[in-house]
């Protein structure tokens, strides 16, 4: 009977540990989706600022987009938006 209890306990522990890994993986995927959505929302805000605001507004929002891609660990888009920010900065004399 003790061996049955030990085996059953081991099965429960293994199941619990494997489920925890699955939850962590799912949480990571959800965070990645959220971070990417934040970056896309920042791009939309940049477009609005560029269209309706001043050159300084566009510059500031380009920096915000770059920061959002940095947070999302998207190096390619981060570089792209840093370049856009740099060009916008030149336009406002920075």
C-alpha atoms as a PDB file:
ATOM      1  CA  UNK A   1       0.000   0.000   0.000  1.00  0.00           C
ATOM      2  CA  UNK A   2       2.894   2.375   0.753  1.00  0.00           C
ATOM      3  CA  UNK A   3       4.312   1.822  -2.744  1.00  0.00           C
ATOM      4  CA  UNK A   4       0.951   2.650  -4.321  1.00  0.00           C
ATOM      5  CA  UNK A   5       0.846   5.878  -2.321  1.00  0.00           C
ATOM      6  CA  UNK A   6       4.391   6.753  -3.400  1.00  0.00           C
ATOM      7  CA  UNK A   7       3.626   6.088  -7.079  1.00  0.00           C
ATOM      8  CA  UNK A   8       0.389   8.045  -6.890  1.00  0.00           C
ATOM      9  CA  UNK A   9       2.183  10.943  -5.184  1.00  0.00           C
ATOM     10  CA  UNK A  10       4.875  10.906  -7.858  1.00  0.00           C
ATOM     11  CA  UNK A  11       2.267  10.971 -10.633  1.00  0.00           C
ATOM     12  CA  UNK A  12       0.522  13.927  -9.000  1.00  0.00           C
ATOM     13  CA  UNK A  13       3.797  15.826  -8.609  1.00  0.00           C
ATOM     14  CA  UNK A  14       4.834  15.170 -12.225  1.00  0.00           C
ATOM     15  CA  UNK A  15       1.413  16.266 -13.473  1.00  0.00           C
ATOM     16  CA  UNK A  16       1.546  19.439 -11.380  1.00  0.00           C
ATOM     17  CA  UNK A  17       5.050  20.350 -12.566  1.00  0.00           C
ATOM     18  CA  UNK A  18       4.196  19.754 -16.217  1.00  0.00           C
ATOM     19  CA  UNK A  19       1.051  21.888 -15.899  1.00  0.00           C
ATOM     20  CA  UNK A  20       3.050  24.737 -14.347  1.00  0.00           C
ATOM     21  CA  UNK A  21       5.382  24.746 -17.332  1.00  0.00           C
ATOM     22  CA  UNK A  22       2.411  24.893 -19.638  1.00  0.00           C
ATOM     23  CA  UNK A  23       0.912  27.840 -17.739  1.00  0.00           C
ATOM     24  CA  UNK A  24       4.199  29.728 -17.852  1.00  0.00           C
ATOM     25  CA  UNK A  25       4.495  29.124 -21.589  1.00  0.00           C
ATOM     26  CA  UNK A  26       0.928  30.307 -22.152  1.00  0.00           C
ATOM     27  CA  UNK A  27       1.533  33.407 -20.020  1.00  0.00           C
ATOM     28  CA  UNK A  28       4.670  34.217 -22.063  1.00  0.00           C
ATOM     29  CA  UNK A  29       2.705  33.902 -25.304  1.00  0.00           C
ATOM     30  CA  UNK A  30      -0.018  36.188 -23.979  1.00  0.00           C
ATOM     31  CA  UNK A  31       2.537  38.780 -22.847  1.00  0.00           C
ATOM     32  CA  UNK A  32       4.181  38.674 -26.281  1.00  0.00           C
ATOM     33  CA  UNK A  33       0.798  39.281 -27.920  1.00  0.00           C
ATOM     34  CA  UNK A  34       0.067  42.176 -25.584  1.00  0.00           C
ATOM     35  CA  UNK A  35       3.483  43.775 -26.139  1.00  0.00           C
ATOM     36  CA  UNK A  36       3.077  43.487 -29.914  1.00  0.00           C
ATOM     37  CA  UNK A  37      -0.409  45.003 -29.728  1.00  0.00           C
ATOM     38  CA  UNK A  38       0.938  47.895 -27.647  1.00  0.00           C
ATOM     39  CA  UNK A  39       3.566  48.547 -30.332  1.00  0.00           C
ATOM     40  CA  UNK A  40       0.941  48.472 -33.089  1.00  0.00           C
ATOM     41  CA  UNK A  41      -1.247  50.870 -31.095  1.00  0.00           C
ATOM     42  CA  UNK A  42       1.757  53.185 -30.686  1.00  0.00           C
ATOM     43  CA  UNK A  43       2.243  53.140 -34.463  1.00  0.00           C
ATOM     44  CA  UNK A  44      -1.395  54.210 -34.939  1.00  0.00           C
ATOM     45  CA  UNK A  45      -0.902  57.009 -32.431  1.00  0.00           C
ATOM     46  CA  UNK A  46       2.223  58.122 -34.307  1.00  0.00           C
ATOM     47  CA  UNK A  47       0.251  58.289 -37.559  1.00  0.00           C
ATOM     48  CA  UNK A  48      -2.418  60.418 -35.889  1.00  0.00           C
ATOM     49  CA  UNK A  49       0.205  62.719 -34.360  1.00  0.00           C
ATOM     50  CA  UNK A  50       2.063  63.015 -37.659  1.00  0.00           C
ATOM     51  CA  UNK A  51      -1.131  63.805 -39.559  1.00  0.00           C
ATOM     52  CA  UNK A  52      -2.723  66.193 -37.062  1.00  0.00           C
ATOM     53  CA  UNK A  53       0.009  67.415 -34.741  1.00  0.00           C
ATOM     54  CA  UNK A  54       3.247  69.298 -34.972  1.00  0.00           C
ATOM     55  CA  UNK A  55       6.588  67.957 -36.139  1.00  0.00           C
ATOM     56  CA  UNK A  56       7.566  67.738 -32.470  1.00  0.00           C
ATOM     57  CA  UNK A  57       4.506  65.558 -31.794  1.00  0.00           C
ATOM     58  CA  UNK A  58       5.589  63.202 -34.565  1.00  0.00           C
ATOM     59  CA  UNK A  59       9.119  63.093 -33.166  1.00  0.00           C
ATOM     60  CA  UNK A  60       7.939  62.284 -29.643  1.00  0.00           C
ATOM     61  CA  UNK A  61       5.557  59.589 -30.832  1.00  0.00           C
ATOM     62  CA  UNK A  62       8.197  57.998 -33.051  1.00  0.00           C
ATOM     63  CA  UNK A  63      10.290  57.605 -29.919  1.00  0.00           C
ATOM     64  CA  UNK A  64       7.336  56.042 -28.141  1.00  0.00           C
ATOM     65  CA  UNK A  65       6.903  53.521 -30.956  1.00  0.00           C
ATOM     66  CA  UNK A  66      10.595  52.645 -30.782  1.00  0.00           C
ATOM     67  CA  UNK A  67      10.280  52.165 -27.016  1.00  0.00           C
ATOM     68  CA  UNK A  68       7.274  49.885 -27.490  1.00  0.00           C
ATOM     69  CA  UNK A  69       9.224  47.697 -29.920  1.00  0.00           C
ATOM     70  CA  UNK A  70      12.160  47.632 -27.512  1.00  0.00           C
ATOM     71  CA  UNK A  71       9.814  46.420 -24.776  1.00  0.00           C
ATOM     72  CA  UNK A  72       8.489  43.751 -27.181  1.00  0.00           C
ATOM     73  CA  UNK A  73      12.100  42.742 -27.923  1.00  0.00           C
ATOM     74  CA  UNK A  74      11.487  43.269 -31.658  1.00  0.00           C
ATOM     75  CA  UNK A  75      14.927  44.410 -32.774  1.00  0.00           C
ATOM     76  CA  UNK A  76      14.064  44.855 -36.453  1.00  0.00           C
ATOM     77  CA  UNK A  77      11.155  47.218 -35.822  1.00  0.00           C
ATOM     78  CA  UNK A  78      13.060  48.944 -33.018  1.00  0.00           C
ATOM     79  CA  UNK A  79      15.853  49.859 -35.457  1.00  0.00           C
ATOM     80  CA  UNK A  80      13.318  50.987 -38.056  1.00  0.00           C
ATOM     81  CA  UNK A  81      11.568  53.288 -35.596  1.00  0.00           C
ATOM     82  CA  UNK A  82      14.800  54.665 -34.161  1.00  0.00           C
ATOM     83  CA  UNK A  83      15.654  55.745 -37.712  1.00  0.00           C
ATOM     84  CA  UNK A  84      12.206  57.332 -38.118  1.00  0.00           C
ATOM     85  CA  UNK A  85      12.705  59.087 -34.767  1.00  0.00           C
ATOM     86  CA  UNK A  86      16.132  60.317 -35.886  1.00  0.00           C
ATOM     87  CA  UNK A  87      14.718  61.764 -39.127  1.00  0.00           C
ATOM     88  CA  UNK A  88      11.851  63.396 -37.242  1.00  0.00           C
ATOM     89  CA  UNK A  89      14.372  64.830 -34.775  1.00  0.00           C
ATOM     90  CA  UNK A  90      16.331  66.453 -37.583  1.00  0.00           C
ATOM     91  CA  UNK A  91      13.101  67.983 -38.845  1.00  0.00           C
ATOM     92  CA  UNK A  92      12.630  69.747 -35.496  1.00  0.00           C
ATOM     93  CA  UNK A  93      16.264  70.747 -35.191  1.00  0.00           C
ATOM     94  CA  UNK A  94      17.545  68.052 -32.841  1.00  0.00           C
END
